[in-house]
C-alpha atoms as a PDB file:
ATOM      1  CA  MET A   1     105.621  47.454  71.265  1.00  0.00           C
ATOM      2  CA  ASN A   2     104.470  49.257  68.131  1.00  0.00           C
ATOM      3  CA  GLN A   3     103.194  52.781  68.579  1.00  0.00           C
ATOM      4  CA  PRO A   4      99.810  53.683  67.040  1.00  0.00           C
ATOM      5  CA  LYS A   5     100.134  56.066  64.101  1.00  0.00           C
ATOM      6  CA  VAL A   6      99.048  59.667  64.661  1.00  0.00           C
ATOM      7  CA  SER A   7      98.289  62.271  61.992  1.00  0.00           C
ATOM      8  CA  ILE A   8      98.994  65.726  63.453  1.00  0.00           C
ATOM      9  CA  ILE A   9      97.058  68.487  61.689  1.00  0.00           C
ATOM     10  CA  THR A  10      97.642  72.205  61.990  1.00  0.00           C
ATOM     11  CA  LEU A  11      96.254  75.146  60.055  1.00  0.00           C
ATOM     12  CA  ASN A  12      98.156  78.225  58.875  1.00  0.00           C
ATOM     13  CA  TRP A  13      96.553  81.460  57.739  1.00  0.00           C
ATOM     14  CA  ASN A  14      98.867  84.457  57.525  1.00  0.00           C
ATOM     15  CA  ARG A  15     100.714  83.481  60.714  1.00  0.00           C
ATOM     16  CA  LEU A  16     103.981  82.063  59.423  1.00  0.00           C
ATOM     17  CA  GLU A  17     105.998  82.889  62.547  1.00  0.00           C
ATOM     18  CA  ASP A  18     103.562  81.085  64.850  1.00  0.00           C
ATOM     19  CA  THR A  19     103.337  78.043  62.578  1.00  0.00           C
ATOM     20  CA  THR A  20     107.111  77.816  62.316  1.00  0.00           C
ATOM     21  CA  GLU A  21     107.516  77.890  66.096  1.00  0.00           C
ATOM     22  CA  CYS A  22     104.822  75.239  66.487  1.00  0.00           C
ATOM     23  CA  LEU A  23     106.476  72.914  63.959  1.00  0.00           C
ATOM     24  CA  GLU A  24     109.903  73.371  65.522  1.00  0.00           C
ATOM     25  CA  SER A  25     108.480  72.253  68.871  1.00  0.00           C
ATOM     26  CA  LEU A  26     106.908  69.189  67.219  1.00  0.00           C
ATOM     27  CA  LYS A  27     110.279  68.154  65.820  1.00  0.00           C
ATOM     28  CA  LYS A  28     111.517  67.678  69.411  1.00  0.00           C
ATOM     29  CA  ILE A  29     108.813  65.288  70.642  1.00  0.00           C
ATOM     30  CA  THR A  30     109.688  61.805  71.853  1.00  0.00           C
ATOM     31  CA  TYR A  31     106.819  60.029  70.076  1.00  0.00           C
ATOM     32  CA  THR A  32     108.040  58.606  66.763  1.00  0.00           C
ATOM     33  CA  ASN A  33     105.126  57.174  64.753  1.00  0.00           C
ATOM     34  CA  TYR A  34     103.476  60.317  63.468  1.00  0.00           C
ATOM     35  CA  GLU A  35     103.118  62.561  60.454  1.00  0.00           C
ATOM     36  CA  VAL A  36     102.485  66.304  60.283  1.00  0.00           C
ATOM     37  CA  ILE A  37      99.924  67.736  57.871  1.00  0.00           C
ATOM     38  CA  VAL A  38      99.960  71.511  57.470  1.00  0.00           C
ATOM     39  CA  VAL A  39      97.117  73.267  55.682  1.00  0.00           C
ATOM     40  CA  ASP A  40      97.903  76.708  54.348  1.00  0.00           C
ATOM     41  CA  ASN A  41      94.419  78.178  54.208  1.00  0.00           C
ATOM     42  CA  GLY A  42      94.950  80.634  51.379  1.00  0.00           C
ATOM     43  CA  SER A  43      97.491  82.903  53.074  1.00  0.00           C
ATOM     44  CA  GLU A  44      98.029  86.220  51.329  1.00  0.00           C
ATOM     45  CA  GLY A  45     101.842  86.106  51.309  1.00  0.00           C
ATOM     46  CA  ASN A  46     104.394  83.402  50.575  1.00  0.00           C
ATOM     47  CA  ASP A  47     103.734  81.403  53.753  1.00  0.00           C
ATOM     48  CA  ALA A  48     103.272  78.125  51.896  1.00  0.00           C
ATOM     49  CA  GLN A  49     106.517  78.505  49.975  1.00  0.00           C
ATOM     50  CA  VAL A  50     108.515  79.322  53.118  1.00  0.00           C
ATOM     51  CA  LEU A  51     107.051  76.385  55.026  1.00  0.00           C
ATOM     52  CA  GLU A  52     107.817  74.051  52.138  1.00  0.00           C
ATOM     53  CA  GLU A  53     111.399  75.245  51.881  1.00  0.00           C
ATOM     54  CA  ARG A  54     112.056  75.201  55.620  1.00  0.00           C
ATOM     55  CA  PHE A  55     110.433  71.913  56.618  1.00  0.00           C
ATOM     56  CA  GLY A  56     110.602  69.876  53.415  1.00  0.00           C
ATOM     57  CA  ASP A  57     109.582  66.243  53.853  1.00  0.00           C
ATOM     58  CA  TYR A  58     108.904  66.697  57.573  1.00  0.00           C
ATOM     59  CA  ILE A  59     105.443  68.012  56.676  1.00  0.00           C
ATOM     60  CA  HIS A  60     102.829  67.244  54.093  1.00  0.00           C
ATOM     61  CA  LEU A  61     101.699  70.676  52.930  1.00  0.00           C
ATOM     62  CA  ILE A  62      98.209  71.248  51.559  1.00  0.00           C
ATOM     63  CA  LYS A  63      97.854  74.554  49.739  1.00  0.00           C
ATOM     64  CA  ASN A  64      94.290  75.833  49.697  1.00  0.00           C
ATOM     65  CA  ASP A  65      93.343  78.354  47.027  1.00  0.00           C
ATOM     66  CA  ARG A  66      91.398  80.452  49.552  1.00  0.00           C
ATOM     67  CA  ASN A  67      90.418  80.639  53.203  1.00  0.00           C
ATOM     68  CA  TYR A  68      87.951  77.826  53.920  1.00  0.00           C
ATOM     69  CA  GLY A  69      87.721  78.717  57.592  1.00  0.00           C
ATOM     70  CA  THR A  70      88.792  76.549  60.487  1.00  0.00           C
ATOM     71  CA  THR A  71      86.186  73.921  59.681  1.00  0.00           C
ATOM     72  CA  GLY A  72      86.892  73.720  55.961  1.00  0.00           C
ATOM     73  CA  GLY A  73      90.665  73.710  56.356  1.00  0.00           C
ATOM     74  CA  MET A  74      90.663  71.050  59.069  1.00  0.00           C
ATOM     75  CA  ASN A  75      88.190  68.893  57.158  1.00  0.00           C
ATOM     76  CA  ILE A  76      90.402  68.908  54.071  1.00  0.00           C
ATOM     77  CA  ALA A  77      93.359  67.697  56.138  1.00  0.00           C
ATOM     78  CA  MET A  78      91.329  65.068  57.999  1.00  0.00           C
ATOM     79  CA  ARG A  79      89.978  63.678  54.727  1.00  0.00           C
ATOM     80  CA  TYR A  80      93.506  63.509  53.360  1.00  0.00           C
ATOM     81  CA  ALA A  81      94.774  61.670  56.445  1.00  0.00           C
ATOM     82  CA  LEU A  82      91.910  59.169  56.480  1.00  0.00           C
ATOM     83  CA  ASP A  83      92.184  58.481  52.745  1.00  0.00           C
ATOM     84  CA  ASN A  84      95.963  58.307  52.447  1.00  0.00           C
ATOM     85  CA  SER A  85      97.742  57.737  55.758  1.00  0.00           C
ATOM     86  CA  ASN A  86      95.687  55.124  57.615  1.00  0.00           C
ATOM     87  CA  PRO A  87      96.232  56.711  61.063  1.00  0.00           C
ATOM     88  CA  ASP A  88      94.949  55.248  64.305  1.00  0.00           C
ATOM     89  CA  TYR A  89      94.461  58.726  65.724  1.00  0.00           C
ATOM     90  CA  LEU A  90      94.119  62.282  64.435  1.00  0.00           C
ATOM     91  CA  LEU A  91      95.424  65.241  66.418  1.00  0.00           C
ATOM     92  CA  LEU A  92      94.180  68.787  65.810  1.00  0.00           C
ATOM     93  CA  LEU A  93      96.711  71.356  66.998  1.00  0.00           C
ATOM     94  CA  ASP A  94      96.534  75.141  66.909  1.00  0.00           C
ATOM     95  CA  ASN A  95      99.431  76.679  65.028  1.00  0.00           C
ATOM     96  CA  ASP A  96      99.885  79.305  67.782  1.00  0.00           C
ATOM     97  CA  ALA A  97     100.916  76.676  70.318  1.00  0.00           C
ATOM     98  CA  VAL A  98     104.145  74.975  71.275  1.00  0.00           C
ATOM     99  CA  VAL A  99     104.176  71.459  72.685  1.00  0.00           C
ATOM    100  CA  ASP A 100     105.952  69.607  75.459  1.00  0.00           C
ATOM    101  CA  LYS A 101     108.226  66.872  74.133  1.00  0.00           C
ATOM    102  CA  ASN A 102     106.175  64.158  75.889  1.00  0.00           C
ATOM    103  CA  PHE A 103     102.712  65.508  75.141  1.00  0.00           C
ATOM    104  CA  LEU A 104     101.805  62.972  72.456  1.00  0.00           C
ATOM    105  CA  ASP A 105     102.972  59.981  74.510  1.00  0.00           C
ATOM    106  CA  GLU A 106     100.679  61.150  77.308  1.00  0.00           C
ATOM    107  CA  LEU A 107      97.671  61.709  75.037  1.00  0.00           C
ATOM    108  CA  VAL A 108      97.990  58.293  73.398  1.00  0.00           C
ATOM    109  CA  GLN A 109      98.460  56.586  76.753  1.00  0.00           C
ATOM    110  CA  VAL A 110      95.241  58.092  78.120  1.00  0.00           C
ATOM    111  CA  ILE A 111      93.088  57.514  75.042  1.00  0.00           C
ATOM    112  CA  THR A 112      93.917  53.804  74.938  1.00  0.00           C
ATOM    113  CA  ARG A 113      92.727  53.178  78.521  1.00  0.00           C
ATOM    114  CA  ASP A 114      88.972  53.426  77.934  1.00  0.00           C
ATOM    115  CA  SER A 115      87.022  52.269  74.878  1.00  0.00           C
ATOM    116  CA  LYS A 116      84.353  54.909  75.554  1.00  0.00           C
ATOM    117  CA  VAL A 117      86.835  57.787  75.265  1.00  0.00           C
ATOM    118  CA  GLY A 118      86.638  59.305  71.810  1.00  0.00           C
ATOM    119  CA  ALA A 119      88.898  62.294  72.357  1.00  0.00           C
ATOM    120  CA  VAL A 120      91.611  63.460  74.735  1.00  0.00           C
ATOM    121  CA  THR A 121      92.742  67.045  75.177  1.00  0.00           C
ATOM    122  CA  ALA A 122      96.030  68.294  76.537  1.00  0.00           C
ATOM    123  CA  VAL A 123      96.190  70.710  79.452  1.00  0.00           C
ATOM    124  CA  ILE A 124      96.500  74.165  77.896  1.00  0.00           C
ATOM    125  CA  TYR A 125      99.000  76.491  79.555  1.00  0.00           C
ATOM    126  CA  SER A 126      99.563  80.161  78.805  1.00  0.00           C
ATOM    127  CA  TYR A 127     102.436  80.901  76.438  1.00  0.00           C
ATOM    128  CA  ASN A 128     103.261  84.120  78.296  1.00  0.00           C
ATOM    129  CA  LYS A 129     102.771  82.628  81.788  1.00  0.00           C
ATOM    130  CA  PRO A 130     104.045  79.053  81.363  1.00  0.00           C
ATOM    131  CA  GLU A 131     102.921  77.806  84.796  1.00  0.00           C
ATOM    132  CA  GLN A 132      99.374  79.134  84.447  1.00  0.00           C
ATOM    133  CA  ILE A 133      96.634  76.943  83.004  1.00  0.00           C
ATOM    134  CA  GLN A 134      94.726  78.801  80.310  1.00  0.00           C
ATOM    135  CA  GLN A 135      91.788  76.470  79.626  1.00  0.00           C
ATOM    136  CA  SER A 136      89.486  75.332  82.407  1.00  0.00           C
ATOM    137  CA  LEU A 137      89.315  71.624  83.103  1.00  0.00           C
ATOM    138  CA  SER A 138      85.534  71.765  83.528  1.00  0.00           C
ATOM    139  CA  GLY A 139      84.327  73.526  80.386  1.00  0.00           C
ATOM    140  CA  ARG A 140      80.647  73.275  79.498  1.00  0.00           C
ATOM    141  CA  ILE A 141      77.790  75.111  77.782  1.00  0.00           C
ATOM    142  CA  ASN A 142      75.255  76.934  79.930  1.00  0.00           C
ATOM    143  CA  PHE A 143      72.193  76.428  77.738  1.00  0.00           C
ATOM    144  CA  TRP A 144      70.145  78.928  79.757  1.00  0.00           C
ATOM    145  CA  ILE A 145      72.310  81.847  78.630  1.00  0.00           C
ATOM    146  CA  GLY A 146      73.799  80.256  75.506  1.00  0.00           C
ATOM    147  CA  ASP A 147      77.431  80.679  76.417  1.00  0.00           C
ATOM    148  CA  PHE A 148      80.587  78.798  77.388  1.00  0.00           C
ATOM    149  CA  ILE A 149      81.338  78.432  81.068  1.00  0.00           C
ATOM    150  CA  GLY A 150      84.917  77.818  82.113  1.00  0.00           C
ATOM    151  CA  MET A 151      86.495  77.445  78.674  1.00  0.00           C
ATOM    152  CA  ASP A 152      89.295  79.798  79.659  1.00  0.00           C
ATOM    153  CA  TRP A 153      90.369  81.437  82.886  1.00  0.00           C
ATOM    154  CA  PHE A 154      88.698  84.732  81.949  1.00  0.00           C
ATOM    155  CA  SER A 155      85.331  82.940  82.027  1.00  0.00           C
ATOM    156  CA  GLY A 156      85.617  82.096  85.694  1.00  0.00           C
ATOM    157  CA  PHE A 157      85.879  85.640  87.054  1.00  0.00           C
ATOM    158  CA  PHE A 158      89.673  85.456  86.817  1.00  0.00           C
ATOM    159  CA  VAL A 159      89.862  82.190  88.759  1.00  0.00           C
ATOM    160  CA  VAL A 160      92.860  80.341  87.360  1.00  0.00           C
ATOM    161  CA  PRO A 161      92.244  76.576  86.929  1.00  0.00           C
ATOM    162  CA  THR A 162      94.426  74.071  88.752  1.00  0.00           C
ATOM    163  CA  ILE A 163      95.003  70.323  88.498  1.00  0.00           C
ATOM    164  CA  LYS A 164      93.907  68.610  91.708  1.00  0.00           C
ATOM    165  CA  ASP A 165      95.372  65.215  90.853  1.00  0.00           C
ATOM    166  CA  ASN A 166      97.070  63.427  87.986  1.00  0.00           C
ATOM    167  CA  LEU A 167      94.009  61.440  86.925  1.00  0.00           C
ATOM    168  CA  PRO A 168      92.268  61.934  83.566  1.00  0.00           C
ATOM    169  CA  ARG A 169      88.902  63.624  84.083  1.00  0.00           C
ATOM    170  CA  GLU A 170      85.910  63.884  81.792  1.00  0.00           C
ATOM    171  CA  VAL A 171      84.941  67.259  80.331  1.00  0.00           C
ATOM    172  CA  LYS A 172      81.798  68.196  78.432  1.00  0.00           C
ATOM    173  CA  GLN A 173      83.439  70.847  76.261  1.00  0.00           C
ATOM    174  CA  ALA A 174      87.038  71.198  75.140  1.00  0.00           C
ATOM    175  CA  GLY A 175      88.700  73.747  72.920  1.00  0.00           C
ATOM    176  CA  PHE A 176      90.447  72.210  69.937  1.00  0.00           C
ATOM    177  CA  TRP A 177      93.794  73.871  70.644  1.00  0.00           C
ATOM    178  CA  CYS A 178      95.192  70.365  71.093  1.00  0.00           C
ATOM    179  CA  ILE A 179      92.875  67.387  70.915  1.00  0.00           C
ATOM    180  CA  LEU A 180      93.460  63.767  69.915  1.00  0.00           C
ATOM    181  CA  PHE A 181      90.635  61.775  68.298  1.00  0.00           C
ATOM    182  CA  LYS A 182      90.257  58.074  67.714  1.00  0.00           C
ATOM    183  CA  ARG A 183      89.915  57.332  64.023  1.00  0.00           C
ATOM    184  CA  GLU A 184      86.691  55.403  64.633  1.00  0.00           C
ATOM    185  CA  CYS A 185      85.292  58.444  66.407  1.00  0.00           C
ATOM    186  CA  ILE A 186      85.820  60.641  63.336  1.00  0.00           C
ATOM    187  CA  GLU A 187      84.423  57.946  61.055  1.00  0.00           C
ATOM    188  CA  ASN A 188      81.295  57.486  63.196  1.00  0.00           C
ATOM    189  CA  VAL A 189      80.569  61.094  64.144  1.00  0.00           C
ATOM    190  CA  GLY A 190      81.830  62.706  60.944  1.00  0.00           C
ATOM    191  CA  LEU A 191      83.973  65.737  60.232  1.00  0.00           C
ATOM    192  CA  LEU A 192      83.493  69.268  61.522  1.00  0.00           C
ATOM    193  CA  ASP A 193      80.356  71.085  60.405  1.00  0.00           C
ATOM    194  CA  ARG A 194      81.798  73.343  57.714  1.00  0.00           C
ATOM    195  CA  THR A 195      78.829  75.755  57.892  1.00  0.00           C
ATOM    196  CA  TYR A 196      80.223  77.114  61.186  1.00  0.00           C
ATOM    197  CA  PHE A 197      83.384  78.319  59.333  1.00  0.00           C
ATOM    198  CA  ILE A 198      84.912  79.654  62.575  1.00  0.00           C
ATOM    199  CA  ALA A 199      83.520  79.930  66.135  1.00  0.00           C
ATOM    200  CA  TRP A 200      81.309  77.406  67.965  1.00  0.00           C
ATOM    201  CA  GLU A 201      82.445  74.556  65.712  1.00  0.00           C
ATOM    202  CA  THR A 202      84.174  72.909  68.666  1.00  0.00           C
ATOM    203  CA  ALA A 203      81.045  73.221  70.822  1.00  0.00           C
ATOM    204  CA  ASP A 204      79.026  71.586  68.065  1.00  0.00           C
ATOM    205  CA  TYR A 205      81.494  68.728  67.670  1.00  0.00           C
ATOM    206  CA  CYS A 206      81.768  68.070  71.407  1.00  0.00           C
ATOM    207  CA  GLU A 207      77.989  67.962  71.627  1.00  0.00           C
ATOM    208  CA  ARG A 208      77.871  65.486  68.746  1.00  0.00           C
ATOM    209  CA  LEU A 209      80.524  63.333  70.428  1.00  0.00           C
ATOM    210  CA  GLY A 210      78.611  63.216  73.693  1.00  0.00           C
ATOM    211  CA  ARG A 211      75.329  62.356  72.009  1.00  0.00           C
ATOM    212  CA  ALA A 212      77.059  59.555  70.100  1.00  0.00           C
ATOM    213  CA  GLY A 213      78.175  58.021  73.396  1.00  0.00           C
ATOM    214  CA  TYR A 214      81.830  59.110  73.399  1.00  0.00           C
ATOM    215  CA  LYS A 215      83.611  60.694  76.342  1.00  0.00           C
ATOM    216  CA  ILE A 216      86.107  63.570  76.207  1.00  0.00           C
ATOM    217  CA  VAL A 217      88.808  63.618  78.861  1.00  0.00           C
ATOM    218  CA  TYR A 218      91.924  65.636  79.549  1.00  0.00           C
ATOM    219  CA  ALA A 219      95.356  64.095  80.014  1.00  0.00           C
ATOM    220  CA  PRO A 220      96.866  65.859  83.074  1.00  0.00           C
ATOM    221  CA  LYS A 221     100.487  65.253  82.059  1.00  0.00           C
ATOM    222  CA  ALA A 222     100.074  66.305  78.419  1.00  0.00           C
ATOM    223  CA  LYS A 223     101.124  69.951  78.174  1.00  0.00           C
ATOM    224  CA  ILE A 224     101.089  72.608  75.488  1.00  0.00           C
ATOM    225  CA  TRP A 225     101.579  76.369  75.717  1.00  0.00           C
ATOM    226  CA  HIS A 226      99.089  78.474  73.794  1.00  0.00           C
ATOM    227  CA  LYS A 227      99.253  82.099  72.694  1.00  0.00           C
ATOM    228  CA  TRP A 228      96.124  83.936  73.732  1.00  0.00           C
ATOM    229  CA  ARG A 229      93.603  84.653  70.953  1.00  0.00           C
ATOM    230  CA  THR A 230      96.033  85.364  68.140  1.00  0.00           C
ATOM    231  CA  SER A 231      93.441  84.151  65.614  1.00  0.00           C
ATOM    232  CA  THR A 232      90.519  86.231  66.922  1.00  0.00           C
ATOM    233  CA  LYS A 233      91.608  89.816  66.414  1.00  0.00           C
ATOM    234  CA  ILE A 234      89.032  92.606  66.389  1.00  0.00           C
ATOM    235  CA  ASP A 235      88.675  92.598  62.592  1.00  0.00           C
ATOM    236  CA  GLY A 236      84.989  91.774  62.136  1.00  0.00           C
ATOM    237  CA  TRP A 237      85.308  88.087  61.247  1.00  0.00           C
ATOM    238  CA  ALA A 238      84.983  86.663  64.729  1.00  0.00           C
ATOM    239  CA  GLN A 239      82.525  89.376  65.724  1.00  0.00           C
ATOM    240  CA  TYR A 240      80.243  88.239  62.905  1.00  0.00           C
ATOM    241  CA  TYR A 241      80.543  84.478  63.344  1.00  0.00           C
ATOM    242  CA  HIS A 242      80.270  84.312  67.134  1.00  0.00           C
ATOM    243  CA  PRO A 243      76.681  85.604  67.381  1.00  0.00           C
ATOM    244  CA  ARG A 244      75.641  83.922  64.128  1.00  0.00           C
ATOM    245  CA  ASN A 245      76.886  80.523  65.224  1.00  0.00           C
ATOM    246  CA  ARG A 246      75.634  80.947  68.782  1.00  0.00           C
ATOM    247  CA  PHE A 247      72.065  81.113  67.437  1.00  0.00           C
ATOM    248  CA  LYS A 248      72.732  78.196  65.104  1.00  0.00           C
ATOM    249  CA  PHE A 249      74.058  76.030  67.926  1.00  0.00           C
ATOM    250  CA  MET A 250      71.255  76.866  70.341  1.00  0.00           C
ATOM    251  CA  ARG A 251      68.569  76.202  67.744  1.00  0.00           C
ATOM    252  CA  GLN A 252      70.023  72.739  67.173  1.00  0.00           C
ATOM    253  CA  TYR A 253      70.712  71.577  70.729  1.00  0.00           C
ATOM    254  CA  ALA A 254      68.770  73.598  73.328  1.00  0.00           C
ATOM    255  CA  THR A 255      65.272  72.881  74.590  1.00  0.00           C
ATOM    256  CA  ARG A 256      62.385  75.268  74.009  1.00  0.00           C
ATOM    257  CA  MET A 257      62.580  76.662  77.544  1.00  0.00           C
ATOM    258  CA  GLN A 258      66.346  77.028  77.328  1.00  0.00           C
ATOM    259  CA  ASN A 259      66.001  78.973  74.093  1.00  0.00           C
ATOM    260  CA  ILE A 260      63.426  81.314  75.621  1.00  0.00           C
ATOM    261  CA  SER A 261      65.868  81.978  78.459  1.00  0.00           C
ATOM    262  CA  PHE A 262      68.786  82.361  76.038  1.00  0.00           C
ATOM    263  CA  LEU A 263      66.970  84.851  73.795  1.00  0.00           C
ATOM    264  CA  THR A 264      65.863  86.887  76.793  1.00  0.00           C
ATOM    265  CA  PHE A 265      69.395  87.036  78.180  1.00  0.00           C
ATOM    266  CA  PHE A 266      70.972  87.763  74.790  1.00  0.00           C
ATOM    267  CA  PHE A 267      68.770  90.736  73.894  1.00  0.00           C
ATOM    268  CA  ALA A 268      68.389  92.084  77.427  1.00  0.00           C
ATOM    269  CA  VAL A 269      72.053  91.865  78.400  1.00  0.00           C
ATOM    270  CA  HIS A 270      74.581  90.530  75.888  1.00  0.00           C
ATOM    271  CA  PHE A 271      73.409  92.595  72.906  1.00  0.00           C
ATOM    272  CA  TRP A 272      73.728  95.908  74.755  1.00  0.00           C
ATOM    273  CA  LEU A 273      77.022  95.037  76.421  1.00  0.00           C
ATOM    274  CA  ALA A 274      78.485  94.144  73.022  1.00  0.00           C
ATOM    275  CA  THR A 275      77.129  97.362  71.511  1.00  0.00           C
ATOM    276  CA  ALA A 276      78.726  99.458  74.256  1.00  0.00           C
ATOM    277  CA  TYR A 277      82.006  97.530  73.997  1.00  0.00           C
ATOM    278  CA  TYR A 278      82.464  97.884  70.233  1.00  0.00           C
ATOM    279  CA  LEU A 279      81.024 101.378  69.847  1.00  0.00           C
ATOM    280  CA  ILE A 280      82.033 103.209  73.044  1.00  0.00           C
ATOM    281  CA  TRP A 281      85.011 101.309  74.449  1.00  0.00           C
ATOM    282  CA  LEU A 282      86.745 100.285  71.189  1.00  0.00           C
ATOM    283  CA  ARG A 283      85.195 102.990  68.983  1.00  0.00           C
ATOM    284  CA  ARG A 284      84.915 100.520  66.116  1.00  0.00           C
ATOM    285  CA  PRO A 285      81.529 101.070  64.441  1.00  0.00           C
ATOM    286  CA  ARG A 286      82.424  98.788  61.513  1.00  0.00           C
ATOM    287  CA  VAL A 287      83.137  95.919  63.894  1.00  0.00           C
ATOM    288  CA  LEU A 288      79.822  96.643  65.627  1.00  0.00           C
ATOM    289  CA  LEU A 289      78.148  96.420  62.219  1.00  0.00           C
ATOM    290  CA  SER A 290      79.721  92.971  61.747  1.00  0.00           C
ATOM    291  CA  PHE A 291      78.272  91.946  65.109  1.00  0.00           C
ATOM    292  CA  TYR A 292      74.823  93.201  64.098  1.00  0.00           C
ATOM    293  CA  LYS A 293      75.017  91.304  60.804  1.00  0.00           C
ATOM    294  CA  GLY A 294      75.970  88.171  62.724  1.00  0.00           C
ATOM    295  CA  VAL A 295      72.936  88.624  64.979  1.00  0.00           C
ATOM    296  CA  ARG A 296      70.683  89.157  61.963  1.00  0.00           C
ATOM    297  CA  ASP A 297      71.956  86.081  60.110  1.00  0.00           C
ATOM    298  CA  GLY A 298      71.924  84.033  63.305  1.00  0.00           C
ATOM    299  CA  LEU A 299      68.293  84.896  63.918  1.00  0.00           C
ATOM    300  CA  PHE A 300      67.475  83.827  60.373  1.00  0.00           C
ATOM    301  CA  LEU A 301      69.159  80.459  60.970  1.00  0.00           C
ATOM    302  CA  PHE A 302      67.424  80.167  64.336  1.00  0.00           C
ATOM    303  CA  HIS A 303      63.952  80.700  62.920  1.00  0.00           C
ATOM    304  CA  SER A 304      64.558  78.700  59.745  1.00  0.00           C
ATOM    305  CA  GLY A 305      66.086  75.779  61.624  1.00  0.00           C
ATOM    306  CA  GLY A 306      69.265  76.021  59.515  1.00  0.00           C
END
C-alpha cells in the first residue's frame, strides 16, 4: 500500500544546535514517503550554510533574507510545498523538538480515519522529563478572561496531563509544536495569518479550522519531546506580541459580553501582575516597556477592528 506524501516543515532562527538535533531524529523515522523543508528565517550567523553542508539533499533549505516571524516563515514553506511537492499532508514541527521513530506513522493513521478531521497533533512530552506530558490534551480558550486554558502543564496549577486511553480525542486548541494538516484543509482555510508574526497565531488558526467545520484531534501513540520555551526568551519580542495579539484575537472572535469581561480582567488583574513580574521580580524595565507597547498597539487593533 502506497504511503501518502508528507511535507515536514521546520523553522530555524539562530538555534542551529536545536535544529540539528531535530533533523537527526527525523532521519531515524520509519515512515518513508516524506520530504523535509527547513526555513532559515534570517539567522544572524552561518546557520544556513552549516545546515546545507551537514544535511545536503536530505532537506530542502529556504534561506530568508530576514526574520519573517513564525507565521511568515511557515507560510513561505507551506506555499513552496503546495506549489512544488504535491503533498497529501503538511506537518509543522518545532525545531526544538525530537521525534519518536513511529510518530509520523501514527499521525497519518489517525488523520485518515475521519473525513472531518483536518489536523492531528502528537502528544508533546517534556525533553527534560521524557515521561511527562508537556501539553494538555484538553486545551481551549477561555473567552471570558482571554487566555489559554490547559495548553501546557503550568496552566493547570501544576497538574500534569495524562492519557486515559489510547483513543484519539478531539481538542479545541493545539500548539503547533507538531501538527499534521490535510492538504485540503490548508487549501480551504488558508495559510497562517502573517499579521500575528509570533504568538496567538495557533489560536487563530485553530479557531478558523473549527469554524470551517474541521476537527483537531491528538494521536495518543504519536510522541515527540519538546524543549520548554526555547523560542520565547525574555527579550521583549514575545512580551510585545503576546498582549498585542491577545487583543487582536479577542476582537475577532469573542462576543461583546466576553470582551467586556476580558478587558475588565486584563486591566484589573493581568496588567498589574505583568507589571510587577517584569519590573520587580525580573527587574527588566525595557521588557516591561515592550509589554506596554504591545498593550497599546493591541488596544489600537481592538478598537479599529484590525
